[in-house]
Amino acid sequence: MLASLFGSKGSEKVLIFITARGEGYAREISQFFDMDISTIQNQLDKFELGGILASTTKGRTRLYTFNPRYPFLKELELLLNKALSFYPEDEREKLVLERRRPRRRGKPI
């Protein structure tokens, strides 16, 4: 849908994923969309260099989120949320569903 605007399907999918979940890492995004991890990593690097995304490391994993200092962040998020509303219902639900690893048994809350 937005591939012509952003230049590739990979870049659209990266931004849609980050919009829906708030954060993500390369392997998670590539597995979700069944794409090559190098394609996703290249897009993440491109967006980080452009200032659209910011990354933090958690352990050995690099998490990407939208850069709050990006000057057009509000407009970009409005555009991506509008595009997300046109995705099929089942794909939207899968995107929004944020299941992480199960909680360890006996772990205090």
C-alpha atoms as a PDB file:
ATOM      1  CA  MET A   1       0.000   0.000   0.000  1.00  0.00           C
ATOM      2  CA  LEU A   2       2.743   2.474   0.950  1.00  0.00           C
ATOM      3  CA  ALA A   3       5.583   0.650  -0.820  1.00  0.00           C
ATOM      4  CA  SER A   4       5.630   3.171  -3.666  1.00  0.00           C
ATOM      5  CA  LEU A   5       5.918   6.009  -1.155  1.00  0.00           C
ATOM      6  CA  PHE A   6       8.690   4.444   0.946  1.00  0.00           C
ATOM      7  CA  GLY A   7      10.519   2.736  -1.919  1.00  0.00           C
ATOM      8  CA  SER A   8      10.070  -0.926  -1.015  1.00  0.00           C
ATOM      9  CA  LYS A   9       7.737  -3.383   0.639  1.00  0.00           C
ATOM     10  CA  GLY A  10      10.354  -4.059   3.305  1.00  0.00           C
ATOM     11  CA  SER A  11      10.419  -0.456   4.445  1.00  0.00           C
ATOM     12  CA  GLU A  12       6.625  -0.319   4.580  1.00  0.00           C
ATOM     13  CA  LYS A  13       6.458  -3.511   6.623  1.00  0.00           C
ATOM     14  CA  VAL A  14       9.121  -2.338   9.072  1.00  0.00           C
ATOM     15  CA  LEU A  15       7.294   0.924   9.748  1.00  0.00           C
ATOM     16  CA  ILE A  16       3.879  -0.762   9.998  1.00  0.00           C
ATOM     17  CA  PHE A  17       5.266  -3.303  12.475  1.00  0.00           C
ATOM     18  CA  ILE A  18       6.849  -0.605  14.662  1.00  0.00           C
ATOM     19  CA  THR A  19       3.612   1.410  14.484  1.00  0.00           C
ATOM     20  CA  ALA A  20       1.476  -1.527  15.573  1.00  0.00           C
ATOM     21  CA  ARG A  21       3.734  -2.854  18.340  1.00  0.00           C
ATOM     22  CA  GLY A  22       5.663   0.211  19.457  1.00  0.00           C
ATOM     23  CA  GLU A  23       9.018  -1.546  19.152  1.00  0.00           C
ATOM     24  CA  GLY A  24      10.607  -4.473  17.403  1.00  0.00           C
ATOM     25  CA  TYR A  25      13.837  -6.176  16.493  1.00  0.00           C
ATOM     26  CA  ALA A  26      15.076  -7.447  13.139  1.00  0.00           C
ATOM     27  CA  ARG A  27      14.509 -11.189  13.595  1.00  0.00           C
ATOM     28  CA  GLU A  28      11.026 -10.668  15.035  1.00  0.00           C
ATOM     29  CA  ILE A  29       9.990  -8.500  12.083  1.00  0.00           C
ATOM     30  CA  SER A  30      11.536 -10.824   9.494  1.00  0.00           C
ATOM     31  CA  GLN A  31       9.841 -13.885  10.984  1.00  0.00           C
ATOM     32  CA  PHE A  32       6.480 -12.137  11.239  1.00  0.00           C
ATOM     33  CA  PHE A  33       6.460 -11.146   7.557  1.00  0.00           C
ATOM     34  CA  ASP A  34       8.459 -14.203   6.396  1.00  0.00           C
ATOM     35  CA  MET A  35      11.147 -12.031   4.823  1.00  0.00           C
ATOM     36  CA  ASP A  36      14.916 -12.244   4.676  1.00  0.00           C
ATOM     37  CA  ILE A  37      16.512 -10.807   7.811  1.00  0.00           C
ATOM     38  CA  SER A  38      19.151  -8.886   5.823  1.00  0.00           C
ATOM     39  CA  THR A  39      16.410  -6.973   3.986  1.00  0.00           C
ATOM     40  CA  ILE A  40      14.776  -5.996   7.260  1.00  0.00           C
ATOM     41  CA  GLN A  41      18.117  -5.116   8.870  1.00  0.00           C
ATOM     42  CA  ASN A  42      19.043  -2.879   5.925  1.00  0.00           C
ATOM     43  CA  GLN A  43      15.726  -1.031   6.249  1.00  0.00           C
ATOM     44  CA  LEU A  44      16.146  -0.632  10.009  1.00  0.00           C
ATOM     45  CA  ASP A  45      19.675   0.730   9.502  1.00  0.00           C
ATOM     46  CA  LYS A  46      18.431   3.128   6.813  1.00  0.00           C
ATOM     47  CA  PHE A  47      15.658   4.464   9.047  1.00  0.00           C
ATOM     48  CA  GLU A  48      18.024   4.806  11.995  1.00  0.00           C
ATOM     49  CA  LEU A  49      20.523   6.766   9.905  1.00  0.00           C
ATOM     50  CA  GLY A  50      17.669   8.981   8.690  1.00  0.00           C
ATOM     51  CA  GLY A  51      16.619   9.701  12.264  1.00  0.00           C
ATOM     52  CA  ILE A  52      13.184   8.085  11.930  1.00  0.00           C
ATOM     53  CA  LEU A  53      13.991   5.186  14.253  1.00  0.00           C
ATOM     54  CA  ALA A  54      16.131   5.004  17.366  1.00  0.00           C
ATOM     55  CA  SER A  55      17.632   1.814  18.740  1.00  0.00           C
ATOM     56  CA  THR A  56      18.522   0.553  22.174  1.00  0.00           C
ATOM     57  CA  THR A  57      20.179  -2.669  23.177  1.00  0.00           C
ATOM     58  CA  LYS A  58      18.540  -5.027  25.605  1.00  0.00           C
ATOM     59  CA  GLY A  59      21.009  -7.799  26.318  1.00  0.00           C
ATOM     60  CA  ARG A  60      22.274  -8.812  22.886  1.00  0.00           C
ATOM     61  CA  THR A  61      19.133  -7.661  21.077  1.00  0.00           C
ATOM     62  CA  ARG A  62      18.834  -4.289  19.364  1.00  0.00           C
ATOM     63  CA  LEU A  63      15.298  -2.922  19.788  1.00  0.00           C
ATOM     64  CA  TYR A  64      14.011  -0.258  17.417  1.00  0.00           C
ATOM     65  CA  THR A  65      11.382   2.365  18.238  1.00  0.00           C
ATOM     66  CA  PHE A  66      10.308   5.625  16.655  1.00  0.00           C
ATOM     67  CA  ASN A  67      12.695   8.462  17.418  1.00  0.00           C
ATOM     68  CA  PRO A  68      10.733  10.964  19.543  1.00  0.00           C
ATOM     69  CA  ARG A  69      12.956  13.773  18.211  1.00  0.00           C
ATOM     70  CA  TYR A  70      12.039  13.129  14.578  1.00  0.00           C
ATOM     71  CA  PRO A  71      10.373  16.381  13.409  1.00  0.00           C
ATOM     72  CA  PHE A  72       7.626  14.694  11.336  1.00  0.00           C
ATOM     73  CA  LEU A  73       6.864  11.885  13.782  1.00  0.00           C
ATOM     74  CA  LYS A  74       3.255  12.901  14.438  1.00  0.00           C
ATOM     75  CA  GLU A  75       2.462  13.124  10.719  1.00  0.00           C
ATOM     76  CA  LEU A  76       4.256   9.845   9.956  1.00  0.00           C
ATOM     77  CA  GLU A  77       2.377   8.017  12.714  1.00  0.00           C
ATOM     78  CA  LEU A  78      -0.947   9.416  11.445  1.00  0.00           C
ATOM     79  CA  LEU A  79      -0.151   8.171   7.940  1.00  0.00           C
ATOM     80  CA  LEU A  80       0.935   4.732   9.155  1.00  0.00           C
ATOM     81  CA  ASN A  81      -2.085   4.335  11.453  1.00  0.00           C
ATOM     82  CA  LYS A  82      -4.366   5.251   8.548  1.00  0.00           C
ATOM     83  CA  ALA A  83      -2.604   2.682   6.338  1.00  0.00           C
ATOM     84  CA  LEU A  84      -2.866   0.093   9.114  1.00  0.00           C
ATOM     85  CA  SER A  85      -6.626   0.617   9.241  1.00  0.00           C
ATOM     86  CA  PHE A  86      -6.833  -0.571   5.606  1.00  0.00           C
ATOM     87  CA  TYR A  87      -5.007  -3.842   6.314  1.00  0.00           C
ATOM     88  CA  PRO A  88      -7.183  -6.980   6.508  1.00  0.00           C
ATOM     89  CA  GLU A  89      -8.704  -7.533   9.958  1.00  0.00           C
ATOM     90  CA  ASP A  90      -6.872 -10.805  10.633  1.00  0.00           C
ATOM     91  CA  GLU A  91      -3.481  -9.316   9.757  1.00  0.00           C
ATOM     92  CA  ARG A  92      -4.184  -6.270  11.942  1.00  0.00           C
ATOM     93  CA  GLU A  93      -5.032  -8.504  14.888  1.00  0.00           C
ATOM     94  CA  LYS A  94      -1.821 -10.495  14.433  1.00  0.00           C
ATOM     95  CA  LEU A  95       0.172  -7.268  14.256  1.00  0.00           C
ATOM     96  CA  VAL A  96      -1.343  -5.782  17.387  1.00  0.00           C
ATOM     97  CA  LEU A  97      -1.170  -9.021  19.376  1.00  0.00           C
ATOM     98  CA  GLU A  98       2.046  -8.698  21.324  1.00  0.00           C
ATOM     99  CA  ARG A  99       2.912 -12.092  22.692  1.00  0.00           C
ATOM    100  CA  ARG A 100       6.333 -12.457  24.139  1.00  0.00           C
ATOM    101  CA  ARG A 101       7.862 -15.486  25.739  1.00  0.00           C
ATOM    102  CA  PRO A 102       5.746 -17.177  28.407  1.00  0.00           C
ATOM    103  CA  ARG A 103       6.299 -16.216  32.016  1.00  0.00           C
ATOM    104  CA  ARG A 104       8.625 -18.495  33.964  1.00  0.00           C
ATOM    105  CA  ARG A 105       6.768 -20.690  36.425  1.00  0.00           C
ATOM    106  CA  GLY A 106       7.060 -19.399  39.987  1.00  0.00           C
ATOM    107  CA  LYS A 107       8.362 -15.984  38.935  1.00  0.00           C
ATOM    108  CA  PRO A 108       7.044 -13.249  41.267  1.00  0.00           C
ATOM    109  CA  ILE A 109       4.841 -10.620  39.681  1.00  0.00           C
END
